[in-house]
Amino acid sequence: MARQKLDRETQKALLGTRKMIEDVARADGNEAETRRRVARIFESLMGYDVLKHITREHAVHGVGDTEYCDFAIQFDNKESSVPIVLIELKRVNIDLMPKHLKQVSSYAINMGCEWVLLTNGKEWKLYHVSFSKSPETKPINSWDLINDDLAVLAKRFELVGYKNVKRVA
């Protein structure tokens, strides 16, 4: 199987993104610093306008107290509309755990959102939530920004990139 040839711009963006996350990991950055870096990834690598398409600390109204999901991707910016993707972020050097998936899945189920992305900047995990008899969260794809091949990363980030998400929204 032939390797995909990446254009210089994509290659440069991926390498810059990788370095940005490696730097924050080396400094053992906190969750707020990880969040700033991930927001830049959504903008520079995935093509989102973080002011128009990304809602931060998105309120999730479920049973009990209101909780907040780190990011939500929305294209109409109406508070009442269901986000297209919910993103839960963890600190860069925290391993993603089943409890983190449970957290973001419960947000998605409470809101009726079908897609969730869980990340610490290094690891990225995309899931689909189906609303059959009982809601079910299924893994769709995952990637490692630090260790995966650049061509693999390009495909994975494109999967959740603005153009692709906008097309299916």
N, C-alpha and C. Protein backbone atom coordinates (compact mmCIF):
# COMPACT_ATOMS: atom_id res chain seq x y z
N MET A 1 0.85 -1.18 0.00
CA MET A 1 0.00 0.00 0.00
C MET A 1 0.89 1.24 0.00
N ALA A 2 0.62 2.15 -0.91
CA ALA A 2 1.43 3.37 -1.05
C ALA A 2 1.13 4.34 0.09
N ARG A 3 2.17 4.98 0.59
CA ARG A 3 1.99 5.99 1.63
C ARG A 3 1.45 7.26 1.01
N GLN A 4 0.54 7.88 1.74
CA GLN A 4 -0.03 9.14 1.27
C GLN A 4 1.04 10.23 1.37
N LYS A 5 1.17 11.00 0.32
CA LYS A 5 2.11 12.12 0.30
C LYS A 5 1.40 13.35 0.85
N LEU A 6 1.96 13.93 1.89
CA LEU A 6 1.37 15.12 2.49
C LEU A 6 1.96 16.37 1.88
N ASP A 7 1.12 17.38 1.69
CA ASP A 7 1.65 18.65 1.22
C ASP A 7 2.44 19.30 2.36
N ARG A 8 3.33 20.20 1.98
CA ARG A 8 4.22 20.85 2.97
C ARG A 8 3.45 21.57 4.07
N GLU A 9 2.38 22.23 3.69
CA GLU A 9 1.59 23.00 4.66
C GLU A 9 1.00 22.09 5.75
N THR A 10 0.42 20.96 5.32
CA THR A 10 -0.16 20.01 6.27
C THR A 10 0.92 19.41 7.15
N GLN A 11 2.03 19.03 6.54
CA GLN A 11 3.15 18.45 7.28
C GLN A 11 3.67 19.44 8.32
N LYS A 12 3.84 20.70 7.92
CA LYS A 12 4.32 21.73 8.83
C LYS A 12 3.33 21.96 9.98
N ALA A 13 2.03 21.99 9.67
CA ALA A 13 1.00 22.18 10.69
C ALA A 13 1.00 21.02 11.69
N LEU A 14 1.12 19.80 11.20
CA LEU A 14 1.14 18.63 12.09
C LEU A 14 2.37 18.63 12.98
N LEU A 15 3.52 18.92 12.41
CA LEU A 15 4.76 18.95 13.20
C LEU A 15 4.72 20.07 14.24
N GLY A 16 4.17 21.23 13.87
CA GLY A 16 4.03 22.33 14.81
C GLY A 16 3.08 21.99 15.95
N THR A 17 2.00 21.30 15.60
CA THR A 17 1.02 20.88 16.59
C THR A 17 1.64 19.86 17.54
N ARG A 18 2.38 18.92 16.98
CA ARG A 18 3.04 17.91 17.80
C ARG A 18 4.02 18.57 18.78
N LYS A 19 4.81 19.52 18.29
CA LYS A 19 5.78 20.20 19.14
C LYS A 19 5.08 20.99 20.25
N MET A 20 3.98 21.63 19.91
CA MET A 20 3.23 22.42 20.88
C MET A 20 2.74 21.53 22.05
N ILE A 21 2.26 20.34 21.72
CA ILE A 21 1.78 19.42 22.76
C ILE A 21 2.96 18.79 23.51
N GLU A 22 4.04 18.47 22.81
CA GLU A 22 5.23 17.94 23.49
C GLU A 22 5.76 18.95 24.50
N ASP A 23 5.76 20.23 24.12
CA ASP A 23 6.25 21.28 25.02
C ASP A 23 5.41 21.39 26.28
N VAL A 24 4.09 21.37 26.12
CA VAL A 24 3.23 21.48 27.30
C VAL A 24 3.32 20.21 28.16
N ALA A 25 3.54 19.07 27.53
CA ALA A 25 3.71 17.82 28.29
C ALA A 25 5.02 17.85 29.08
N ARG A 26 6.08 18.32 28.44
CA ARG A 26 7.38 18.41 29.10
C ARG A 26 7.31 19.35 30.31
N ALA A 27 6.54 20.42 30.18
CA ALA A 27 6.37 21.39 31.27
C ALA A 27 5.31 20.93 32.28
N ASP A 28 4.70 19.76 32.01
CA ASP A 28 3.62 19.23 32.84
C ASP A 28 2.51 20.27 33.04
N GLY A 29 2.09 20.84 31.91
CA GLY A 29 1.06 21.88 31.92
C GLY A 29 -0.25 21.43 32.54
N ASN A 30 -0.96 22.38 33.11
CA ASN A 30 -2.25 22.08 33.74
C ASN A 30 -3.36 21.97 32.68
N GLU A 31 -4.57 21.72 33.14
CA GLU A 31 -5.68 21.54 32.21
C GLU A 31 -5.98 22.82 31.42
N ALA A 32 -5.87 23.97 32.06
CA ALA A 32 -6.13 25.23 31.36
C ALA A 32 -5.13 25.45 30.22
N GLU A 33 -3.87 25.14 30.47
CA GLU A 33 -2.85 25.28 29.42
C GLU A 33 -3.08 24.26 28.31
N THR A 34 -3.45 23.06 28.68
CA THR A 34 -3.79 22.03 27.67
C THR A 34 -4.96 22.51 26.83
N ARG A 35 -5.96 23.09 27.47
CA ARG A 35 -7.15 23.59 26.77
C ARG A 35 -6.78 24.66 25.75
N ARG A 36 -5.88 25.57 26.12
CA ARG A 36 -5.45 26.62 25.19
C ARG A 36 -4.77 26.00 23.97
N ARG A 37 -3.94 25.02 24.20
CA ARG A 37 -3.23 24.37 23.08
C ARG A 37 -4.20 23.60 22.19
N VAL A 38 -5.13 22.90 22.78
CA VAL A 38 -6.11 22.14 21.99
C VAL A 38 -6.99 23.09 21.18
N ALA A 39 -7.35 24.22 21.75
CA ALA A 39 -8.13 25.22 20.99
C ALA A 39 -7.35 25.66 19.76
N ARG A 40 -6.05 25.84 19.90
CA ARG A 40 -5.22 26.21 18.74
C ARG A 40 -5.19 25.11 17.70
N ILE A 41 -5.22 23.85 18.13
CA ILE A 41 -5.26 22.72 17.19
C ILE A 41 -6.56 22.76 16.40
N PHE A 42 -7.66 23.03 17.08
CA PHE A 42 -8.95 23.11 16.37
C PHE A 42 -8.93 24.21 15.32
N GLU A 43 -8.24 25.28 15.61
CA GLU A 43 -8.18 26.40 14.68
C GLU A 43 -7.15 26.17 13.57
N SER A 44 -5.91 25.91 13.93
CA SER A 44 -4.84 25.85 12.94
C SER A 44 -4.81 24.57 12.13
N LEU A 45 -5.19 23.47 12.73
CA LEU A 45 -5.08 22.18 12.05
C LEU A 45 -6.42 21.70 11.50
N MET A 46 -7.49 21.99 12.21
CA MET A 46 -8.80 21.45 11.80
C MET A 46 -9.70 22.48 11.13
N GLY A 47 -9.29 23.73 11.09
CA GLY A 47 -10.02 24.72 10.31
C GLY A 47 -11.23 25.36 10.96
N TYR A 48 -11.39 25.22 12.26
CA TYR A 48 -12.51 25.85 12.94
C TYR A 48 -12.19 27.30 13.27
N ASP A 49 -13.22 28.13 13.32
CA ASP A 49 -13.10 29.46 13.87
C ASP A 49 -13.50 29.31 15.33
N VAL A 50 -12.52 29.38 16.23
CA VAL A 50 -12.81 29.08 17.64
C VAL A 50 -13.78 30.08 18.27
N LEU A 51 -13.93 31.24 17.68
CA LEU A 51 -14.89 32.20 18.22
C LEU A 51 -16.31 31.94 17.71
N LYS A 52 -16.43 31.36 16.52
CA LYS A 52 -17.75 31.11 15.94
C LYS A 52 -18.24 29.67 16.13
N HIS A 53 -17.34 28.70 16.09
CA HIS A 53 -17.74 27.29 16.05
C HIS A 53 -17.53 26.53 17.35
N ILE A 54 -16.72 27.05 18.24
CA ILE A 54 -16.39 26.34 19.47
C ILE A 54 -16.94 27.10 20.66
N THR A 55 -17.81 26.44 21.42
CA THR A 55 -18.33 27.00 22.66
C THR A 55 -17.52 26.40 23.80
N ARG A 56 -17.00 27.23 24.67
CA ARG A 56 -16.24 26.74 25.82
C ARG A 56 -17.15 26.65 27.04
N GLU A 57 -16.85 25.67 27.89
CA GLU A 57 -17.65 25.46 29.10
C GLU A 57 -19.14 25.41 28.76
N HIS A 58 -19.48 24.53 27.85
CA HIS A 58 -20.87 24.39 27.39
C HIS A 58 -21.73 23.78 28.50
N ALA A 59 -22.79 24.47 28.88
CA ALA A 59 -23.67 24.01 29.96
C ALA A 59 -24.44 22.76 29.55
N VAL A 60 -24.44 21.79 30.45
CA VAL A 60 -25.17 20.54 30.24
C VAL A 60 -26.19 20.45 31.37
N HIS A 61 -27.47 20.52 30.98
CA HIS A 61 -28.54 20.46 31.98
C HIS A 61 -29.08 19.04 32.01
N GLY A 62 -28.79 18.36 33.09
CA GLY A 62 -29.28 16.98 33.26
C GLY A 62 -30.04 16.91 34.56
N VAL A 63 -30.05 15.74 35.14
CA VAL A 63 -30.67 15.57 36.45
C VAL A 63 -29.71 16.13 37.49
N GLY A 64 -30.18 17.02 38.32
CA GLY A 64 -29.31 17.60 39.35
C GLY A 64 -28.67 18.89 38.87
N ASP A 65 -27.44 19.10 39.32
CA ASP A 65 -26.72 20.34 39.02
C ASP A 65 -26.34 20.44 37.54
N THR A 66 -26.22 21.68 37.08
CA THR A 66 -25.72 21.92 35.74
C THR A 66 -24.23 21.62 35.73
N GLU A 67 -23.79 20.87 34.71
CA GLU A 67 -22.38 20.56 34.55
C GLU A 67 -21.90 21.25 33.29
N TYR A 68 -20.59 21.24 33.06
CA TYR A 68 -20.04 21.95 31.92
C TYR A 68 -19.05 21.07 31.17
N CYS A 69 -19.30 20.93 29.87
CA CYS A 69 -18.40 20.22 28.99
C CYS A 69 -17.38 21.23 28.48
N ASP A 70 -16.12 20.81 28.34
CA ASP A 70 -15.05 21.75 27.99
C ASP A 70 -15.31 22.50 26.70
N PHE A 71 -15.59 21.79 25.61
CA PHE A 71 -15.86 22.43 24.31
C PHE A 71 -17.07 21.77 23.67
N ALA A 72 -17.77 22.53 22.88
CA ALA A 72 -18.85 21.99 22.05
C ALA A 72 -18.71 22.62 20.67
N ILE A 73 -18.85 21.81 19.65
CA ILE A 73 -18.84 22.34 18.28
C ILE A 73 -20.28 22.58 17.87
N GLN A 74 -20.55 23.83 17.50
CA GLN A 74 -21.88 24.24 17.05
C GLN A 74 -21.71 25.19 15.87
N PHE A 75 -22.61 25.09 14.91
CA PHE A 75 -22.52 25.97 13.76
C PHE A 75 -23.57 27.07 13.77
N ASP A 76 -24.65 26.92 14.54
CA ASP A 76 -25.68 27.96 14.54
C ASP A 76 -25.62 28.86 15.77
N ASN A 77 -24.80 28.49 16.75
CA ASN A 77 -24.58 29.29 17.96
C ASN A 77 -25.84 29.64 18.74
N LYS A 78 -26.89 28.85 18.60
CA LYS A 78 -28.08 29.05 19.42
C LYS A 78 -27.94 28.20 20.67
N GLU A 79 -28.15 28.80 21.81
CA GLU A 79 -27.99 28.10 23.08
C GLU A 79 -28.88 26.86 23.16
N SER A 80 -30.05 26.92 22.53
CA SER A 80 -31.00 25.80 22.63
C SER A 80 -30.66 24.64 21.70
N SER A 81 -29.78 24.83 20.73
CA SER A 81 -29.51 23.77 19.77
C SER A 81 -28.53 22.74 20.34
N VAL A 82 -28.64 21.52 19.83
CA VAL A 82 -27.78 20.43 20.26
C VAL A 82 -26.43 20.56 19.54
N PRO A 83 -25.34 20.53 20.28
CA PRO A 83 -24.02 20.58 19.64
C PRO A 83 -23.82 19.39 18.70
N ILE A 84 -22.94 19.54 17.74
CA ILE A 84 -22.63 18.47 16.81
C ILE A 84 -21.63 17.51 17.44
N VAL A 85 -20.65 18.06 18.17
CA VAL A 85 -19.64 17.26 18.86
C VAL A 85 -19.38 17.89 20.22
N LEU A 86 -19.31 17.05 21.25
CA LEU A 86 -18.88 17.49 22.57
C LEU A 86 -17.44 17.04 22.77
N ILE A 87 -16.60 17.92 23.30
CA ILE A 87 -15.19 17.61 23.51
C ILE A 87 -14.87 17.75 24.99
N GLU A 88 -14.37 16.68 25.56
CA GLU A 88 -13.92 16.72 26.95
C GLU A 88 -12.40 16.64 26.97
N LEU A 89 -11.79 17.60 27.64
CA LEU A 89 -10.33 17.69 27.71
C LEU A 89 -9.84 17.32 29.09
N LYS A 90 -8.72 16.67 29.10
CA LYS A 90 -8.02 16.37 30.34
C LYS A 90 -6.63 16.94 30.25
N ARG A 91 -6.02 17.14 31.38
CA ARG A 91 -4.65 17.64 31.45
C ARG A 91 -3.73 16.77 30.60
N VAL A 92 -2.75 17.38 29.97
CA VAL A 92 -1.90 16.71 28.98
C VAL A 92 -1.27 15.42 29.47
N ASN A 93 -0.83 15.34 30.69
CA ASN A 93 -0.15 14.13 31.17
C ASN A 93 -1.06 13.20 31.97
N ILE A 94 -2.36 13.40 31.86
CA ILE A 94 -3.33 12.49 32.49
C ILE A 94 -3.74 11.45 31.44
N ASP A 95 -3.66 10.18 31.79
CA ASP A 95 -4.11 9.13 30.87
C ASP A 95 -5.63 9.18 30.76
N LEU A 96 -6.14 9.02 29.55
CA LEU A 96 -7.59 8.99 29.35
C LEU A 96 -8.12 7.67 29.90
N MET A 97 -9.15 7.76 30.72
CA MET A 97 -9.67 6.59 31.44
C MET A 97 -11.15 6.38 31.10
N PRO A 98 -11.65 5.17 31.37
CA PRO A 98 -13.08 4.91 31.16
C PRO A 98 -13.99 5.91 31.89
N LYS A 99 -13.58 6.38 33.08
CA LYS A 99 -14.42 7.34 33.80
C LYS A 99 -14.55 8.66 33.04
N HIS A 100 -13.52 9.03 32.26
CA HIS A 100 -13.59 10.25 31.45
C HIS A 100 -14.57 10.07 30.30
N LEU A 101 -14.56 8.88 29.71
CA LEU A 101 -15.53 8.57 28.65
C LEU A 101 -16.94 8.58 29.21
N LYS A 102 -17.10 8.01 30.39
CA LYS A 102 -18.42 7.99 31.03
C LYS A 102 -18.92 9.42 31.27
N GLN A 103 -18.01 10.29 31.70
CA GLN A 103 -18.36 11.69 31.95
C GLN A 103 -18.88 12.37 30.68
N VAL A 104 -18.11 12.32 29.60
CA VAL A 104 -18.51 13.01 28.37
C VAL A 104 -19.71 12.31 27.72
N SER A 105 -19.81 10.99 27.85
CA SER A 105 -20.97 10.28 27.31
C SER A 105 -22.24 10.69 28.02
N SER A 106 -22.17 10.89 29.34
CA SER A 106 -23.38 11.31 30.07
C SER A 106 -23.80 12.71 29.62
N TYR A 107 -22.83 13.58 29.34
CA TYR A 107 -23.16 14.90 28.81
C TYR A 107 -23.89 14.75 27.47
N ALA A 108 -23.34 13.92 26.60
CA ALA A 108 -23.92 13.73 25.27
C ALA A 108 -25.33 13.16 25.37
N ILE A 109 -25.52 12.19 26.23
CA ILE A 109 -26.84 11.56 26.39
C ILE A 109 -27.84 12.58 26.92
N ASN A 110 -27.44 13.38 27.89
CA ASN A 110 -28.34 14.41 28.44
C ASN A 110 -28.73 15.45 27.40
N MET A 111 -27.85 15.70 26.43
CA MET A 111 -28.11 16.72 25.42
C MET A 111 -28.65 16.18 24.10
N GLY A 112 -28.54 14.86 23.89
CA GLY A 112 -28.95 14.29 22.62
C GLY A 112 -27.89 14.47 21.54
N CYS A 113 -26.63 14.60 21.93
CA CYS A 113 -25.52 14.79 21.00
C CYS A 113 -24.94 13.42 20.62
N GLU A 114 -24.74 13.18 19.33
CA GLU A 114 -24.30 11.86 18.85
C GLU A 114 -22.79 11.66 18.81
N TRP A 115 -22.00 12.71 18.91
CA TRP A 115 -20.55 12.57 18.76
C TRP A 115 -19.81 13.15 19.94
N VAL A 116 -18.82 12.41 20.44
CA VAL A 116 -17.97 12.91 21.52
C VAL A 116 -16.51 12.67 21.16
N LEU A 117 -15.69 13.59 21.60
CA LEU A 117 -14.25 13.51 21.40
C LEU A 117 -13.61 13.71 22.77
N LEU A 118 -12.76 12.78 23.13
CA LEU A 118 -12.06 12.82 24.41
C LEU A 118 -10.58 12.99 24.10
N THR A 119 -9.93 13.98 24.73
CA THR A 119 -8.51 14.20 24.44
C THR A 119 -7.77 14.79 25.63
N ASN A 120 -6.47 14.52 25.65
CA ASN A 120 -5.55 15.18 26.57
C ASN A 120 -4.50 15.94 25.75
N GLY A 121 -4.77 16.12 24.47
CA GLY A 121 -3.82 16.77 23.57
C GLY A 121 -2.94 15.77 22.86
N LYS A 122 -2.49 14.74 23.58
CA LYS A 122 -1.66 13.69 22.98
C LYS A 122 -2.54 12.60 22.38
N GLU A 123 -3.45 12.08 23.20
CA GLU A 123 -4.37 11.04 22.75
C GLU A 123 -5.69 11.69 22.32
N TRP A 124 -6.26 11.17 21.25
CA TRP A 124 -7.54 11.66 20.74
C TRP A 124 -8.43 10.44 20.51
N LYS A 125 -9.65 10.47 21.05
CA LYS A 125 -10.56 9.34 20.91
C LYS A 125 -11.94 9.85 20.51
N LEU A 126 -12.40 9.36 19.37
CA LEU A 126 -13.70 9.77 18.83
C LEU A 126 -14.70 8.64 19.05
N TYR A 127 -15.90 9.01 19.54
CA TYR A 127 -16.95 8.04 19.82
C TYR A 127 -18.27 8.51 19.22
N HIS A 128 -19.12 7.52 18.92
CA HIS A 128 -20.48 7.81 18.47
C HIS A 128 -21.44 7.31 19.54
N VAL A 129 -22.43 8.14 19.86
CA VAL A 129 -23.46 7.78 20.83
C VAL A 129 -24.72 7.47 20.05
N SER A 130 -25.21 6.25 20.19
CA SER A 130 -26.47 5.89 19.53
C SER A 130 -27.58 5.88 20.57
N PHE A 131 -28.74 6.30 20.14
CA PHE A 131 -29.87 6.43 21.05
C PHE A 131 -30.93 5.39 20.70
N SER A 132 -30.57 4.12 20.81
CA SER A 132 -31.54 3.06 20.58
C SER A 132 -32.28 2.82 21.89
N LYS A 133 -32.63 1.58 22.20
CA LYS A 133 -33.36 1.29 23.44
C LYS A 133 -32.67 1.90 24.66
N SER A 134 -31.39 1.64 24.77
CA SER A 134 -30.60 2.32 25.81
C SER A 134 -29.38 2.92 25.11
N PRO A 135 -29.04 4.15 25.45
CA PRO A 135 -27.91 4.80 24.78
C PRO A 135 -26.63 3.98 24.88
N GLU A 136 -25.87 3.99 23.80
CA GLU A 136 -24.64 3.22 23.74
C GLU A 136 -23.55 4.08 23.09
N THR A 137 -22.36 4.06 23.68
CA THR A 137 -21.23 4.81 23.15
C THR A 137 -20.25 3.83 22.54
N LYS A 138 -19.96 4.02 21.25
CA LYS A 138 -19.06 3.11 20.54
C LYS A 138 -17.83 3.85 20.04
N PRO A 139 -16.65 3.24 20.20
CA PRO A 139 -15.44 3.87 19.66
C PRO A 139 -15.46 3.87 18.14
N ILE A 140 -15.05 4.98 17.55
CA ILE A 140 -15.00 5.12 16.09
C ILE A 140 -13.54 5.14 15.63
N ASN A 141 -12.73 5.94 16.30
CA ASN A 141 -11.33 6.05 15.91
C ASN A 141 -10.53 6.65 17.05
N SER A 142 -9.23 6.42 17.03
CA SER A 142 -8.35 7.04 18.01
C SER A 142 -7.00 7.25 17.35
N TRP A 143 -6.27 8.24 17.88
CA TRP A 143 -4.94 8.52 17.34
C TRP A 143 -4.08 9.15 18.42
N ASP A 144 -2.77 9.06 18.18
CA ASP A 144 -1.77 9.54 19.12
C ASP A 144 -0.94 10.60 18.40
N LEU A 145 -1.12 11.84 18.79
CA LEU A 145 -0.46 12.97 18.14
C LEU A 145 1.06 12.88 18.20
N ILE A 146 1.58 12.32 19.26
CA ILE A 146 3.03 12.27 19.44
C ILE A 146 3.67 11.14 18.62
N ASN A 147 3.02 9.98 18.56
CA ASN A 147 3.67 8.79 17.98
C ASN A 147 3.16 8.33 16.62
N ASP A 148 1.96 8.72 16.24
CA ASP A 148 1.43 8.23 14.96
C ASP A 148 2.10 8.90 13.76
N ASP A 149 2.12 8.20 12.65
CA ASP A 149 2.64 8.71 11.39
C ASP A 149 1.87 9.95 10.96
N LEU A 150 2.54 10.90 10.35
CA LEU A 150 1.89 12.16 9.94
C LEU A 150 0.73 11.94 8.98
N ALA A 151 0.85 10.98 8.07
CA ALA A 151 -0.24 10.71 7.13
C ALA A 151 -1.47 10.19 7.87
N VAL A 152 -1.26 9.35 8.87
CA VAL A 152 -2.36 8.84 9.70
C VAL A 152 -3.01 10.00 10.44
N LEU A 153 -2.18 10.85 11.03
CA LEU A 153 -2.70 12.01 11.77
C LEU A 153 -3.52 12.93 10.87
N ALA A 154 -3.03 13.16 9.67
CA ALA A 154 -3.76 14.03 8.73
C ALA A 154 -5.16 13.49 8.48
N LYS A 155 -5.27 12.19 8.26
CA LYS A 155 -6.58 11.57 8.02
C LYS A 155 -7.48 11.66 9.24
N ARG A 156 -6.92 11.40 10.41
CA ARG A 156 -7.72 11.41 11.64
C ARG A 156 -8.22 12.81 11.98
N PHE A 157 -7.33 13.79 11.90
CA PHE A 157 -7.77 15.16 12.20
C PHE A 157 -8.75 15.67 11.14
N GLU A 158 -8.59 15.21 9.91
CA GLU A 158 -9.54 15.58 8.86
C GLU A 158 -10.93 15.02 9.17
N LEU A 159 -10.97 13.85 9.76
CA LEU A 159 -12.23 13.21 10.13
C LEU A 159 -13.08 14.13 11.02
N VAL A 160 -12.43 14.83 11.95
CA VAL A 160 -13.14 15.73 12.86
C VAL A 160 -12.91 17.19 12.51
N GLY A 161 -12.33 17.45 11.34
CA GLY A 161 -12.07 18.80 10.89
C GLY A 161 -13.34 19.52 10.46
N TYR A 162 -13.24 20.83 10.38
CA TYR A 162 -14.38 21.68 10.06
C TYR A 162 -15.11 21.26 8.78
N LYS A 163 -14.37 21.07 7.69
CA LYS A 163 -15.01 20.76 6.41
C LYS A 163 -15.83 19.48 6.49
N ASN A 164 -15.28 18.45 7.11
CA ASN A 164 -15.98 17.18 7.20
C ASN A 164 -17.19 17.26 8.14
N VAL A 165 -17.01 17.86 9.28
CA VAL A 165 -18.10 17.96 10.25
C VAL A 165 -19.22 18.85 9.71
N LYS A 166 -18.86 19.95 9.06
CA LYS A 166 -19.85 20.85 8.48
C LYS A 166 -20.67 20.14 7.40
N ARG A 167 -19.99 19.30 6.63
CA ARG A 167 -20.65 18.56 5.54
C ARG A 167 -21.72 17.59 6.07
N VAL A 168 -21.43 16.95 7.20
CA VAL A 168 -22.37 15.96 7.74
C VAL A 168 -23.35 16.55 8.74
N ALA A 169 -23.15 17.80 9.13
CA ALA A 169 -24.03 18.43 10.13
C ALA A 169 -25.40 18.73 9.57
